[in-house]
Protein backbone atom coordinates (compact mmCIF):
# COMPACT_ATOMS: atom_id res chain seq x y z
CA TRP A 1 0.00 0.00 0.00
CA ARG A 2 1.36 3.36 -1.03
CA ARG A 3 0.38 6.65 0.41
CA PRO A 4 -1.09 8.85 -2.28
CA TRP A 5 0.22 11.84 -0.47
CA GLY A 6 3.67 10.38 0.23
CA THR A 7 5.08 12.33 -2.62
CA GLY A 8 3.55 15.38 -1.08
CA VAL A 9 5.53 14.84 2.05
CA CYS A 10 8.73 14.72 0.05
CA GLY A 11 7.58 17.73 -1.91
CA TYR A 12 6.84 19.55 1.33
CA CYS A 13 10.29 18.74 2.66
CA THR A 14 11.87 19.87 -0.59
CA GLY A 15 9.76 22.98 -0.54
CA SER A 16 10.86 23.67 3.03
CA ARG A 17 14.45 23.38 2.03
CA ARG A 18 13.94 25.72 -0.89
CA GLY A 19 12.04 28.08 1.32
CA GLY A 20 14.90 28.00 3.84
CA ALA A 21 17.44 28.65 1.13
CA ASP A 22 15.32 31.47 -0.24
CA ALA A 23 14.92 32.85 3.26
CA ARG A 24 18.63 32.83 3.75
CA LYS A 25 19.06 34.69 0.48
CA VAL A 26 16.45 37.25 1.41
CA HIS A 27 17.99 37.91 4.80
CA THR A 28 21.68 37.68 4.01
CA ALA A 29 21.71 40.08 1.04
CA PRO A 30 20.53 43.10 3.07
CA ALA A 31 22.83 42.04 5.93
CA ARG A 32 25.83 42.15 3.63
CA THR A 33 24.76 45.53 2.30
CA LEU A 34 24.39 46.86 5.82
CA PHE A 35 27.79 45.47 6.72
CA LEU A 36 29.39 47.19 3.75
CA LEU A 37 27.68 50.51 4.41
CA ARG A 38 28.16 50.50 8.17
CA PRO A 39 31.61 52.25 8.17
CA LEU A 40 30.26 55.13 6.09
CA PRO A 41 27.58 56.32 8.54
CA ILE A 42 30.02 55.78 11.40
CA LEU A 43 32.61 57.92 9.62
CA LEU A 44 30.05 60.60 8.77
CA ALA A 45 28.68 60.64 12.29
CA THR A 46 32.16 60.82 13.83
CA GLY A 47 33.38 63.50 11.43
CA GLY A 48 30.17 65.49 11.76
CA GLY A 49 30.29 65.28 15.53
CA TYR A 50 33.91 66.40 15.65
CA THR A 51 33.23 69.28 13.24
CA GLY A 52 30.23 70.35 15.29
CA TYR A 53 32.30 70.26 18.46
CA ARG A 54 35.02 72.40 16.84
CA GLN A 55 32.43 74.92 15.67
CA TYR A 56 30.93 75.07 19.17
CA GLU A 57 34.41 75.68 20.62
CA LYS A 58 34.98 78.53 18.16
CA TYR A 59 31.58 80.02 19.00
CA ARG A 60 32.33 79.88 22.71
CA GLU A 61 35.73 81.51 22.14
CA ARG A 62 34.12 84.36 20.18
CA GLU A 63 31.59 84.94 22.93
CA LEU A 64 34.30 85.04 25.58
CA GLU A 65 36.33 87.46 23.46
CA LYS A 66 33.31 89.76 23.27
CA LEU A 67 33.29 89.82 27.07
CA GLY A 68 36.94 90.90 27.04
CA LEU A 69 38.26 87.63 28.45
CA GLU A 70 41.60 86.30 27.20
CA ILE A 71 41.35 82.73 26.01
CA PRO A 72 44.41 80.49 26.20
CA PRO A 73 45.10 78.74 22.87
CA LYS A 74 43.89 75.17 22.61
CA LEU A 75 46.52 73.33 20.59
CA ALA A 76 46.00 70.27 18.44
CA GLY A 77 47.27 66.98 19.82
CA HIS A 78 49.97 64.96 18.10
CA TRP A 79 47.42 62.54 16.72
CA GLU A 80 45.34 65.38 15.24
CA VAL A 81 48.39 66.87 13.52
CA ALA A 82 49.46 63.44 12.27
CA LEU A 83 45.95 62.78 10.95
CA TYR A 84 45.91 66.11 9.14
CA LYS A 85 49.38 65.55 7.68
CA SER A 86 48.27 62.13 6.38
CA VAL A 87 45.90 63.89 3.96
CA PRO A 88 47.66 64.00 0.54
CA THR A 89 47.59 67.80 0.35
CA ARG A 90 50.70 67.93 -1.86
CA LEU A 91 49.09 65.66 -4.45
CA LEU A 92 45.80 67.54 -4.24
CA SER A 93 47.62 70.86 -4.61
CA ARG A 94 49.44 69.61 -7.71
CA ALA A 95 46.11 68.52 -9.16
CA TRP A 96 44.63 71.92 -8.31
CA GLY A 97 47.60 73.59 -10.01
CA ARG A 98 47.00 71.63 -13.20
CA LEU A 99 43.29 72.46 -13.05
CA ASN A 100 44.17 76.15 -12.74
CA GLN A 101 46.15 75.92 -15.99
CA VAL A 102 43.17 74.67 -17.98
CA GLU A 103 42.03 77.38 -20.37
CA LEU A 104 38.40 78.33 -19.77
CA PRO A 105 36.01 78.89 -22.67
CA HIS A 106 35.47 82.59 -23.37
CA TRP A 107 31.81 82.44 -22.32
CA LEU A 108 32.62 80.74 -18.99
CA ARG A 109 35.27 83.17 -17.76
CA ARG A 110 33.04 85.94 -16.51
CA PRO A 111 30.68 83.73 -14.40
CA VAL A 112 33.59 81.74 -12.89
CA TYR A 113 35.69 84.79 -12.00
CA SER A 114 32.65 86.75 -10.85
CA LEU A 115 31.80 83.98 -8.38
CA TYR A 116 35.36 84.07 -7.03
CA ILE A 117 35.27 87.89 -6.80
CA TRP A 118 31.97 87.78 -4.90
CA THR A 119 33.14 84.99 -2.56
CA PHE A 120 36.45 86.56 -1.54
CA GLY A 121 35.73 90.27 -2.00
CA VAL A 122 38.27 90.95 -4.77
CA ASN A 123 38.59 94.59 -5.86
CA MET A 124 39.01 94.35 -9.63
CA LYS A 125 39.16 98.15 -9.99
CA GLU A 126 42.77 97.89 -8.77
CA ALA A 127 43.71 95.28 -11.39
CA ALA A 128 45.86 96.37 -14.32
CA VAL A 129 43.37 94.55 -16.58
CA GLU A 130 39.76 94.74 -15.35
CA ASP A 131 38.26 92.79 -18.25
CA LEU A 132 37.59 89.29 -16.92
CA HIS A 133 37.69 87.79 -20.40
CA HIS A 134 41.39 88.67 -20.59
CA TYR A 135 42.36 85.95 -18.07
CA ARG A 136 42.56 82.61 -19.87
CA ASN A 137 42.59 80.45 -16.74
CA LEU A 138 42.33 80.65 -12.97
CA SER A 139 46.10 80.77 -12.56
CA GLU A 140 46.35 83.98 -14.60
CA PHE A 141 43.48 85.48 -12.60
CA PHE A 142 45.12 84.61 -9.25
CA ARG A 143 48.39 86.21 -10.39
CA ARG A 144 46.81 89.36 -11.80
CA LYS A 145 48.92 92.51 -11.71
CA LEU A 146 47.82 95.81 -10.18
CA LYS A 147 47.71 99.29 -11.62
CA PRO A 148 50.95 101.15 -10.82
CA GLN A 149 49.15 103.81 -8.77
CA ALA A 150 47.11 101.24 -6.78
CA ARG A 151 49.94 100.56 -4.27
CA PRO A 152 52.17 103.60 -3.65
CA VAL A 153 55.38 102.59 -1.87
CA CYS A 154 56.04 104.48 1.36
CA GLY A 155 59.40 106.24 1.17
CA LEU A 156 59.50 107.49 4.77
CA HIS A 157 59.81 104.10 6.50
CA SER A 158 62.69 101.69 6.13
CA VAL A 159 60.51 98.51 6.00
CA ILE A 160 57.22 98.26 4.09
CA SER A 161 54.69 95.48 3.75
CA PRO A 162 55.80 93.09 0.99
CA SER A 163 52.21 92.11 0.20
CA ASP A 164 48.54 92.59 0.89
CA GLY A 165 47.27 90.63 3.87
CA LYS A 166 46.48 90.50 7.55
CA ILE A 167 49.04 91.05 10.33
CA LEU A 168 49.03 87.93 12.51
CA ASN A 169 51.94 88.86 14.77
CA PHE A 170 55.01 91.05 15.07
CA GLY A 171 57.64 92.17 17.58
CA GLN A 172 60.98 91.15 19.01
CA VAL A 173 62.11 87.54 18.86
CA LYS A 174 62.33 86.27 22.44
CA ASN A 175 64.95 83.59 23.06
CA CYS A 176 64.67 81.24 20.07
CA GLU A 177 60.87 81.13 19.84
CA VAL A 178 58.76 83.12 17.39
CA GLU A 179 55.01 83.67 17.68
CA GLN A 180 52.96 82.68 14.63
CA VAL A 181 49.90 84.06 16.44
CA LYS A 182 49.52 85.26 20.01
CA GLY A 183 50.40 82.47 22.43
CA VAL A 184 51.38 79.93 19.75
CA THR A 185 55.07 79.72 18.90
CA TYR A 186 57.52 77.93 16.65
CA SER A 187 61.23 77.30 16.83
CA LEU A 188 63.39 79.84 15.02
CA GLU A 189 65.99 77.21 14.13
CA SER A 190 63.38 74.72 12.90
CA PHE A 191 61.85 77.41 10.73
CA LEU A 192 65.04 78.78 9.13
CA GLY A 193 67.01 75.57 9.30
CA PRO A 194 70.37 74.89 10.92
CA ARG A 195 73.13 77.44 10.60
CA THR A 196 75.62 76.57 7.88
CA CYS A 197 79.12 77.90 8.33
CA THR A 198 79.93 78.80 4.74
CA GLU A 199 81.20 82.02 3.32
CA ASP A 200 78.14 82.73 1.20
CA LEU A 201 75.66 82.62 4.09
CA PRO A 202 75.01 85.85 6.02
CA PHE A 203 75.56 84.20 9.42
CA SER A 204 78.35 85.31 11.68
CA PRO A 205 80.67 82.70 13.20
CA ALA A 206 79.51 81.72 16.67
CA THR A 207 80.60 79.41 19.41
CA SER A 208 78.55 76.36 20.30
CA CYS A 209 77.31 77.97 23.50
CA ASP A 210 75.60 80.81 21.61
CA SER A 211 71.90 80.51 20.92
CA PHE A 212 70.65 80.36 17.35
CA LYS A 213 69.19 83.85 17.75
CA ASN A 214 72.55 85.31 18.74
CA GLN A 215 74.15 83.66 15.73
CA LEU A 216 71.86 85.65 13.45
CA VAL A 217 72.49 89.01 15.13
CA THR A 218 75.67 90.30 13.51
CA ARG A 219 76.03 93.70 15.19
CA GLU A 220 76.34 94.58 18.84
CA GLY A 221 73.32 96.36 20.29
CA ASN A 222 70.89 95.04 17.68
CA GLU A 223 67.80 92.90 18.25
CA LEU A 224 65.99 90.32 16.12
CA TYR A 225 62.46 91.19 14.95
CA HIS A 226 59.72 89.31 13.15
CA CYS A 227 56.45 90.00 11.33
CA VAL A 228 53.86 87.49 10.03
CA ILE A 229 51.49 88.46 7.17
CA TYR A 230 48.66 86.16 6.08
CA LEU A 231 47.46 86.42 2.47
CA ALA A 232 43.81 85.44 2.03
CA PRO A 233 42.59 83.92 -1.26
CA GLY A 234 41.10 87.27 -2.30
CA ASP A 235 44.30 89.26 -1.75
CA TYR A 236 46.79 90.41 -4.35
CA HIS A 237 49.03 87.34 -4.76
CA CYS A 238 52.37 88.88 -5.71
CA PHE A 239 54.92 89.90 -3.10
CA HIS A 240 57.65 92.51 -3.26
CA SER A 241 60.89 93.47 -1.59
CA PRO A 242 60.13 94.96 1.85
CA THR A 243 63.33 97.03 1.96
CA ASP A 244 66.63 97.66 0.20
CA TRP A 245 68.63 94.49 0.76
CA THR A 246 70.82 91.86 -0.92
CA VAL A 247 69.65 88.23 -1.20
CA SER A 248 72.60 85.86 -0.92
CA HIS A 249 71.01 82.48 -0.20
CA ARG A 250 67.86 80.43 -0.75
CA ARG A 251 66.80 77.43 1.31
CA HIS A 252 63.82 75.37 0.14
CA PHE A 253 61.97 73.13 2.60
CA PRO A 254 59.65 70.60 0.94
CA GLY A 255 56.88 69.84 3.43
CA SER A 256 53.18 69.54 4.05
CA LEU A 257 50.68 71.94 2.56
CA MET A 258 48.29 72.45 5.45
CA SER A 259 46.04 75.46 5.62
CA VAL A 260 47.69 78.52 7.20
CA ASN A 261 44.59 80.59 7.91
CA PRO A 262 44.57 82.30 11.34
CA GLY A 263 42.34 79.61 12.84
CA MET A 264 44.80 76.87 11.91
CA ALA A 265 47.73 78.99 13.08
CA ARG A 266 46.08 79.20 16.52
CA TRP A 267 45.46 75.45 16.58
CA ILE A 268 48.67 73.82 15.28
CA LYS A 269 51.93 74.65 17.01
CA GLU A 270 54.87 75.12 14.63
CA LEU A 271 52.48 75.08 11.67
CA PHE A 272 54.93 77.11 9.56
CA CYS A 273 57.69 74.59 10.30
CA HIS A 274 55.54 71.71 9.02
CA ASN A 275 54.68 73.40 5.72
CA GLU A 276 56.67 73.80 2.55
CA ARG A 277 58.51 77.12 2.45
CA VAL A 278 61.19 79.10 0.67
CA VAL A 279 63.60 81.03 2.91
CA LEU A 280 65.51 83.92 1.32
CA THR A 281 68.33 85.24 3.50
CA GLY A 282 70.73 88.12 3.05
CA ASP A 283 71.54 91.42 4.66
CA TRP A 284 70.42 95.03 4.74
CA LYS A 285 71.98 98.16 6.18
CA HIS A 286 71.39 96.97 9.76
CA GLY A 287 72.56 93.35 9.34
CA PHE A 288 70.71 90.05 8.85
CA PHE A 289 67.45 90.08 6.85
CA SER A 290 65.20 87.22 5.70
CA LEU A 291 61.90 86.79 3.89
CA THR A 292 60.14 83.42 3.96
CA ALA A 293 57.26 82.46 1.67
CA VAL A 294 55.21 79.72 3.35
CA GLY A 295 53.13 77.37 1.19
CA ALA A 296 49.62 76.19 2.05
CA THR A 297 46.81 73.99 0.78
CA ASN A 298 46.36 74.50 -2.98
CA VAL A 299 49.43 76.78 -2.99
CA GLY A 300 51.61 74.31 -4.85
CA SER A 301 53.51 77.08 -6.58
CA ILE A 302 55.86 79.55 -4.87
CA ARG A 303 57.74 81.48 -7.52
CA ILE A 304 60.79 83.69 -7.02
CA TYR A 305 61.31 85.74 -10.16
CA PHE A 306 65.12 85.74 -10.16
CA ASP A 307 65.43 82.06 -9.15
CA GLN A 308 64.77 79.84 -12.16
CA ASP A 309 66.09 76.73 -10.39
CA LEU A 310 63.38 76.76 -7.73
CA HIS A 311 60.63 74.14 -8.13
CA THR A 312 58.16 73.88 -5.25
CA ASN A 313 55.72 71.06 -4.47
CA SER A 314 57.70 68.72 -6.69
CA PRO A 315 57.45 64.93 -6.18
CA ARG A 316 61.24 64.64 -6.51
CA TYR A 317 61.67 66.32 -3.11
CA SER A 318 60.72 64.44 0.04
CA LYS A 319 59.28 66.03 3.16
CA GLY A 320 61.66 66.55 6.05
CA SER A 321 64.60 67.57 3.88
CA TYR A 322 65.85 70.88 2.54
CA ASN A 323 68.02 72.06 -0.32
CA ASP A 324 70.27 75.12 -0.46
CA PHE A 325 71.20 77.44 -3.30
CA SER A 326 73.68 80.30 -3.18
CA PHE A 327 73.35 83.44 -5.27
CA VAL A 328 76.94 84.35 -4.41
CA THR A 329 79.32 83.22 -7.15
CA HIS A 330 82.86 83.94 -8.28
CA THR A 331 81.52 86.54 -10.69
CA ASN A 332 78.92 87.90 -8.26
CA LYS A 333 80.43 88.31 -4.81
CA GLU A 334 77.39 89.94 -3.17
CA GLY A 335 74.23 88.24 -4.41
CA VAL A 336 70.98 89.64 -5.81
CA PRO A 337 70.32 93.30 -4.91
CA MET A 338 66.66 94.15 -4.29
CA ARG A 339 65.16 97.62 -4.10
CA LYS A 340 62.26 98.44 -1.78
CA GLY A 341 58.98 97.70 -3.58
CA GLU A 342 60.59 95.72 -6.40
CA HIS A 343 58.74 92.61 -7.62
CA LEU A 344 60.11 89.55 -5.81
CA GLY A 345 57.74 86.62 -6.35
CA GLU A 346 54.20 85.29 -6.31
CA PHE A 347 51.90 82.68 -4.80
CA ASN A 348 49.18 80.64 -6.43
CA LEU A 349 46.03 81.40 -4.36
CA GLY A 350 47.09 82.66 -0.88
CA SER A 351 49.54 81.93 1.89
CA THR A 352 51.85 83.57 4.45
CA ILE A 353 55.01 85.69 4.46
CA VAL A 354 57.31 85.80 7.48
CA LEU A 355 59.96 88.50 7.88
CA ILE A 356 62.80 87.92 10.37
CA PHE A 357 65.44 90.62 10.49
CA GLU A 358 68.04 92.35 12.59
CA ALA A 359 67.65 96.02 13.56
CA PRO A 360 68.71 98.46 16.29
CA LYS A 361 66.82 98.45 19.58
CA ASP A 362 64.89 101.62 18.71
CA PHE A 363 63.15 99.99 15.73
CA ASN A 364 59.37 100.47 16.07
CA PHE A 365 56.54 98.68 14.27
CA GLN A 366 53.68 100.87 13.02
CA LEU A 367 51.18 98.02 13.32
CA LYS A 368 48.33 96.46 15.26
CA ALA A 369 47.77 92.70 15.46
CA GLY A 370 44.88 91.65 13.24
CA GLN A 371 44.92 94.74 11.04
CA LYS A 372 44.61 94.57 7.26
CA ILE A 373 47.59 95.90 5.37
CA ARG A 374 48.43 96.48 1.74
CA PHE A 375 51.66 96.21 -0.17
CA GLY A 376 53.67 99.43 0.09
CA GLU A 377 52.29 100.52 3.46
CA PRO A 378 54.79 100.94 6.34
CA LEU A 379 55.63 98.11 8.71
CA GLY A 380 58.11 99.98 10.85
CA SER A 381 61.08 102.28 11.03
CA LEU A 382 63.81 103.65 13.26
């Protein structure tokens, strides 16, 4: 005797197995998707929470400043700096540089440049060429020249501002530490690099017990001074000679290209020492004088007009090193003479200029921290 429904039992069992397999498929597919997507919301939530916390901290600082309370700087931890430096800003800046070289269609130039002008408050009435269609790409627009009368050079003061920008800090160099902003310092030796005892460098011989600062001061009774100028993206991007001096040496530090805006300068100690920079050293009538152009995010190009061998943000140079070049030769015993106000170089986008120089004790800055300044206006005098 055979059960007429025996086959049904087997069919039921088979159906159960198929149903189980189908159930597994139905449930495992979304589970895998969720597993793959899980890091993304975690990353977004973590990043968003951290950004929100930073914005709250900045808001609280602004409110305390309005009450007249001095807020001690809150510096980034080592892990935060390391995390920031892990971002491939050099590669991104090179890509941005190539993008800037792309020629824009004639019809697209006005809307693109107008958006930039509106965003950063650019005054095109000062530009030598006001017609936006004249600039073939973003790089040409960033490096636009000014009308000759737009920046009169002050003849009464011995040191003028080499560029447009914002004064972050200035004053005497205390010990071997320099302030990038109030309360946040960097090492003078780390910034300029170790002293090299060669004839073409403007450093005086010094014994090992002398501090690095004293090695730079060449004349008795003089002091070492500094001034930090931040160039915003909307500022005039060329920089000029701040005084009459002779450039004898260039030192190029390949490095990171972190942002150098005032907020970052308050947050990261020795920010200027981490970033790529070009240090020009020489002497003026009072002794040692240096101008340093500091690179930043998307500022892959620092150009010095008389230095054709300089190539910044190049993959052939590794971070943590530096390379020297002397302008003093057998045929040129002094170097490159620069007149006050003469064109010296240019940035792509915006960055920072640091002046470190020797002067008598009665040198006075004509500045206030945080003030806006334009190329040609006085920095200080005796």
